Amino acid sequence: GAALPSFWLADARGLEIWPDEATAGRQIYRGAYAAVASALLFPALAAYPEVRAADGPGAVQLSAAQWWAAFGVASCAQGVSIASLFNASPLSLVPGFEADAAAPLRLKRDDKLKLSPAGLTRITRHPLILPVVPWAVSNALLAGGHAADACLFLGLALYAIAGCKAQDARVEASAQVGTVFNDGALSAFYRQTSFLPFGAIADGRQSLSAAMSEVPAAAVWVGLLAGTAIESATLRWIGIIA
């Protein structure tokens, strides 16, 4: 059979990405999914400003107070998504770390820590994606409620909800996600968290005060500042502000 040339410096790192057939299938599916989603989304984003501009006045006219309220909601939603990138979760690529004086940076990676709800995952198990919903609704209003606004932004909101529900259904069926955890490792995490924001807090499974105390202040400020900047850039792209 075919063999690699003798000068090829091969190792077993590929097994970390595709350690078995089931994991390989998931990774290949993710790559294909990302390719199809990009092929559908990017042309829609490219066409949106022109289609919206040709549609004339929008159906929604916000007062100054309503406009700033919608802008605030959209910016905060962006901020929560960005802050979630500092929040370890078994449903994201964010790793878990614990203090270790012997480690070079006094931190040691331990992804098992991701299985315990903390910070934003006490509020919802999908803190990265579900904020797309209030962000999208707010932007549909800020943009004026044109048909193109509803199609793009409300479509993204529905897509976010469907994607999170599909991930939950897949995890329920396989009790596994990604390449780190063994079958069944996520069961307790799912029992202790909720899909709907604040659902687990409302029924007593989680504590809002604990969630707030575990979210780093730096992550909140970085998220809010970046979210406001991104929202401003979004409105400039649409043509709402100069």
Protein backbone atom coordinates (compact mmCIF):
# COMPACT_ATOMS: atom_id res chain seq x y z
CA GLY A 1 0.00 0.00 0.00
CA ALA A 2 0.86 3.68 -0.12
CA ALA A 3 3.32 4.99 2.47
CA LEU A 4 4.52 8.42 3.54
CA PRO A 5 8.04 9.38 2.42
CA SER A 6 10.79 8.86 5.00
CA PHE A 7 11.33 12.61 5.47
CA TRP A 8 7.70 13.14 6.53
CA LEU A 9 7.55 14.05 10.24
CA ALA A 10 4.36 12.28 11.19
CA ASP A 11 2.78 12.02 14.62
CA ALA A 12 -0.50 10.94 16.21
CA ARG A 13 -2.00 14.40 16.72
CA GLY A 14 -4.76 13.66 14.24
CA LEU A 15 -6.17 11.19 16.75
CA GLU A 16 -6.93 14.14 19.05
CA ILE A 17 -9.27 15.53 16.37
CA TRP A 18 -10.66 12.27 14.99
CA PRO A 19 -9.99 9.65 17.68
CA ASP A 20 -12.75 7.33 16.49
CA GLU A 21 -15.36 6.88 13.77
CA ALA A 22 -18.19 8.61 15.66
CA THR A 23 -16.10 11.70 16.39
CA ALA A 24 -14.85 11.84 12.80
CA GLY A 25 -18.45 11.79 11.60
CA ARG A 26 -19.37 14.71 13.85
CA GLN A 27 -16.36 16.76 12.76
CA ILE A 28 -17.01 16.14 9.06
CA TYR A 29 -20.68 17.05 9.55
CA ARG A 30 -19.70 20.31 11.25
CA GLY A 31 -17.41 21.24 8.38
CA ALA A 32 -20.10 20.52 5.79
CA TYR A 33 -22.71 22.37 7.87
CA ALA A 34 -20.48 25.44 8.13
CA ALA A 35 -19.86 25.40 4.37
CA VAL A 36 -23.58 25.20 3.50
CA ALA A 37 -24.53 27.85 6.09
CA SER A 38 -21.86 30.22 4.77
CA ALA A 39 -22.95 29.67 1.17
CA LEU A 40 -26.51 30.67 2.11
CA LEU A 41 -25.83 33.45 4.62
CA PHE A 42 -23.12 35.55 2.99
CA PRO A 43 -24.99 36.21 -0.29
CA ALA A 44 -28.06 37.21 1.76
CA LEU A 45 -25.98 39.65 3.81
CA ALA A 46 -24.42 41.09 0.65
CA ALA A 47 -27.82 41.68 -0.98
CA TYR A 48 -29.63 42.99 2.10
CA PRO A 49 -28.64 46.71 2.13
CA GLU A 50 -29.59 47.18 -1.52
CA VAL A 51 -32.89 45.31 -1.19
CA ARG A 52 -33.77 47.27 1.95
CA ALA A 53 -32.95 50.63 0.33
CA ALA A 54 -35.23 49.83 -2.62
CA ASP A 55 -38.15 49.08 -0.28
CA GLY A 56 -38.88 52.71 0.64
CA PRO A 57 -39.94 53.88 4.13
CA GLY A 58 -40.16 51.21 6.81
CA ALA A 59 -43.31 50.13 8.62
CA VAL A 60 -41.82 50.94 12.06
CA GLN A 61 -41.06 54.48 13.20
CA LEU A 62 -39.36 54.58 16.61
CA SER A 63 -39.29 57.57 18.92
CA ALA A 64 -35.88 58.70 20.18
CA ALA A 65 -36.40 56.89 23.49
CA GLN A 66 -37.52 53.71 21.73
CA TRP A 67 -34.57 53.90 19.35
CA TRP A 68 -32.05 54.14 22.18
CA ALA A 69 -33.80 51.36 24.10
CA ALA A 70 -33.59 49.06 21.07
CA PHE A 71 -29.96 50.05 20.52
CA GLY A 72 -29.21 49.27 24.17
CA VAL A 73 -30.86 45.85 23.98
CA ALA A 74 -28.97 44.99 20.79
CA SER A 75 -25.64 46.15 22.24
CA CYS A 76 -26.17 44.28 25.51
CA ALA A 77 -27.15 41.12 23.63
CA GLN A 78 -23.92 41.36 21.66
CA GLY A 79 -22.10 41.95 24.94
CA VAL A 80 -23.52 38.81 26.54
CA SER A 81 -22.46 36.70 23.55
CA ILE A 82 -18.94 38.13 23.69
CA ALA A 83 -18.73 37.72 27.48
CA SER A 84 -19.75 34.07 27.07
CA LEU A 85 -16.45 33.50 25.24
CA PHE A 86 -14.80 33.87 28.66
CA ASN A 87 -17.27 31.39 30.22
CA ALA A 88 -16.31 27.72 30.03
CA SER A 89 -19.13 25.54 28.71
CA PRO A 90 -19.33 21.96 27.45
CA LEU A 91 -21.37 23.23 24.48
CA SER A 92 -18.66 25.63 23.29
CA LEU A 93 -14.96 25.56 22.46
CA VAL A 94 -14.07 27.59 25.57
CA PRO A 95 -11.81 25.42 27.76
CA GLY A 96 -11.93 25.09 31.53
CA PHE A 97 -8.97 26.02 33.74
CA GLU A 98 -8.11 25.62 37.41
CA ALA A 99 -5.36 27.16 39.52
CA ASP A 100 -2.17 25.11 39.65
CA ALA A 101 0.98 26.58 41.20
CA ALA A 102 3.13 24.01 39.39
CA ALA A 103 1.86 24.98 35.92
CA PRO A 104 3.85 27.51 33.83
CA LEU A 105 1.05 30.12 33.94
CA ARG A 106 -0.28 28.86 37.29
CA LEU A 107 -3.28 27.53 35.39
CA LYS A 108 -4.03 23.98 34.31
CA ARG A 109 -6.60 23.05 31.70
CA ASP A 110 -9.33 20.76 32.99
CA ASP A 111 -12.33 20.45 30.70
CA LYS A 112 -14.26 18.46 33.29
CA LEU A 113 -14.84 21.83 34.99
CA LYS A 114 -17.01 22.76 32.02
CA LEU A 115 -19.57 20.20 33.16
CA SER A 116 -20.48 22.27 36.23
CA PRO A 117 -22.83 25.21 35.47
CA ALA A 118 -21.16 28.52 36.29
CA GLY A 119 -21.66 32.14 35.37
CA LEU A 120 -23.75 32.59 32.24
CA THR A 121 -24.51 28.88 31.89
CA ARG A 122 -26.54 29.14 35.09
CA ILE A 123 -28.83 31.51 33.15
CA THR A 124 -29.02 29.50 29.92
CA ARG A 125 -26.97 26.64 28.55
CA HIS A 126 -26.66 28.59 25.28
CA PRO A 127 -25.26 32.02 26.30
CA LEU A 128 -23.33 32.44 23.04
CA ILE A 129 -26.15 31.88 20.53
CA LEU A 130 -29.49 32.69 22.19
CA PRO A 131 -28.64 36.42 22.60
CA VAL A 132 -28.99 36.54 18.82
CA VAL A 133 -32.77 36.58 19.39
CA PRO A 134 -33.07 39.96 21.23
CA TRP A 135 -30.29 41.34 19.03
CA ALA A 136 -32.14 40.38 15.87
CA VAL A 137 -35.55 41.65 17.02
CA SER A 138 -34.00 44.95 18.09
CA ASN A 139 -32.22 45.39 14.78
CA ALA A 140 -35.36 44.60 12.80
CA LEU A 141 -37.03 47.49 14.66
CA LEU A 142 -34.03 49.81 14.38
CA ALA A 143 -33.86 49.16 10.64
CA GLY A 144 -37.48 50.25 10.22
CA GLY A 145 -39.37 46.99 9.90
CA HIS A 146 -38.99 46.58 6.13
CA ALA A 147 -39.77 43.17 4.67
CA ALA A 148 -36.02 42.67 4.15
CA ASP A 149 -35.40 43.52 7.83
CA ALA A 150 -37.90 40.92 8.98
CA CYS A 151 -36.57 38.27 6.60
CA LEU A 152 -32.94 38.76 7.58
CA PHE A 153 -33.04 39.55 11.29
CA LEU A 154 -36.06 37.51 12.36
CA GLY A 155 -34.76 34.70 10.17
CA LEU A 156 -31.48 34.81 12.10
CA ALA A 157 -33.43 34.74 15.38
CA LEU A 158 -35.36 31.64 14.32
CA TYR A 159 -32.15 30.07 13.04
CA ALA A 160 -30.48 30.64 16.43
CA ILE A 161 -33.39 29.05 18.31
CA ALA A 162 -33.56 26.10 15.91
CA GLY A 163 -29.80 25.59 16.10
CA CYS A 164 -29.77 25.51 19.90
CA LYS A 165 -32.76 23.16 20.02
CA ALA A 166 -31.11 20.89 17.46
CA GLN A 167 -27.93 20.80 19.54
CA ASP A 168 -29.96 19.88 22.61
CA ALA A 169 -31.75 17.13 20.68
CA ARG A 170 -28.45 15.76 19.39
CA VAL A 171 -26.90 15.76 22.86
CA GLU A 172 -30.02 14.09 24.27
CA ALA A 173 -29.77 11.36 21.67
CA SER A 174 -26.03 10.75 21.99
CA ALA A 175 -25.26 12.22 25.45
CA GLN A 176 -22.03 13.45 23.89
CA VAL A 177 -20.75 16.59 22.19
CA GLY A 178 -17.41 17.53 20.73
CA THR A 179 -14.35 15.39 21.30
CA VAL A 180 -13.72 15.84 25.02
CA PHE A 181 -16.49 14.10 26.92
CA ASN A 182 -17.50 10.49 27.20
CA ASP A 183 -21.04 9.28 26.60
CA GLY A 184 -23.33 10.39 29.41
CA ALA A 185 -21.00 13.10 30.74
CA LEU A 186 -23.44 15.89 29.86
CA SER A 187 -26.52 14.42 31.54
CA ALA A 188 -26.04 16.25 34.85
CA PHE A 189 -25.23 19.53 33.08
CA TYR A 190 -28.48 19.33 31.15
CA ARG A 191 -30.50 18.50 34.25
CA GLN A 192 -29.07 21.51 36.08
CA THR A 193 -29.44 24.08 33.27
CA SER A 194 -32.23 25.43 31.08
CA PHE A 195 -32.73 26.23 27.42
CA LEU A 196 -34.85 29.31 28.14
CA PRO A 197 -32.88 32.14 29.76
CA PHE A 198 -33.53 32.30 33.52
CA GLY A 199 -35.57 29.08 33.38
CA ALA A 200 -33.30 27.18 35.79
CA ILE A 201 -33.19 30.24 38.07
CA ALA A 202 -36.99 30.57 38.09
CA ASP A 203 -37.51 26.95 39.12
CA GLY A 204 -34.76 26.99 41.76
CA ARG A 205 -32.14 24.83 40.05
CA GLN A 206 -29.73 27.78 39.83
CA SER A 207 -29.05 31.06 41.63
CA LEU A 208 -28.93 34.45 39.92
CA SER A 209 -26.58 35.84 42.58
CA ALA A 210 -24.18 32.93 42.01
CA ALA A 211 -24.32 33.49 38.27
CA MET A 212 -23.56 37.19 38.61
CA SER A 213 -20.70 36.62 41.04
CA GLU A 214 -19.03 34.13 38.68
CA VAL A 215 -19.01 36.31 35.57
CA PRO A 216 -15.70 38.25 35.49
CA ALA A 217 -16.22 42.02 35.52
CA ALA A 218 -13.58 42.37 32.82
CA ALA A 219 -15.55 40.03 30.54
CA VAL A 220 -18.70 42.10 31.09
CA TRP A 221 -16.98 45.39 30.27
CA VAL A 222 -15.15 43.97 27.26
CA GLY A 223 -18.41 42.46 26.03
CA LEU A 224 -20.43 45.64 26.46
CA LEU A 225 -17.82 47.89 24.85
CA ALA A 226 -17.26 45.50 21.95
CA GLY A 227 -21.00 44.89 21.61
CA THR A 228 -21.71 48.62 21.38
CA ALA A 229 -18.97 49.08 18.79
CA ILE A 230 -20.21 46.14 16.72
CA GLU A 231 -23.82 47.32 16.91
CA SER A 232 -22.79 50.81 15.77
CA ALA A 233 -20.89 49.26 12.86
CA THR A 234 -23.94 47.14 12.01
CA LEU A 235 -26.20 50.20 11.84
CA ARG A 236 -23.65 52.02 9.68
CA TRP A 237 -23.54 49.02 7.35
CA ILE A 238 -27.34 49.04 7.07
CA GLY A 239 -27.28 52.79 6.44
CA ILE A 240 -29.21 53.86 9.55
CA ILE A 241 -26.44 56.03 10.99
CA ALA A 242 -23.65 57.85 9.22
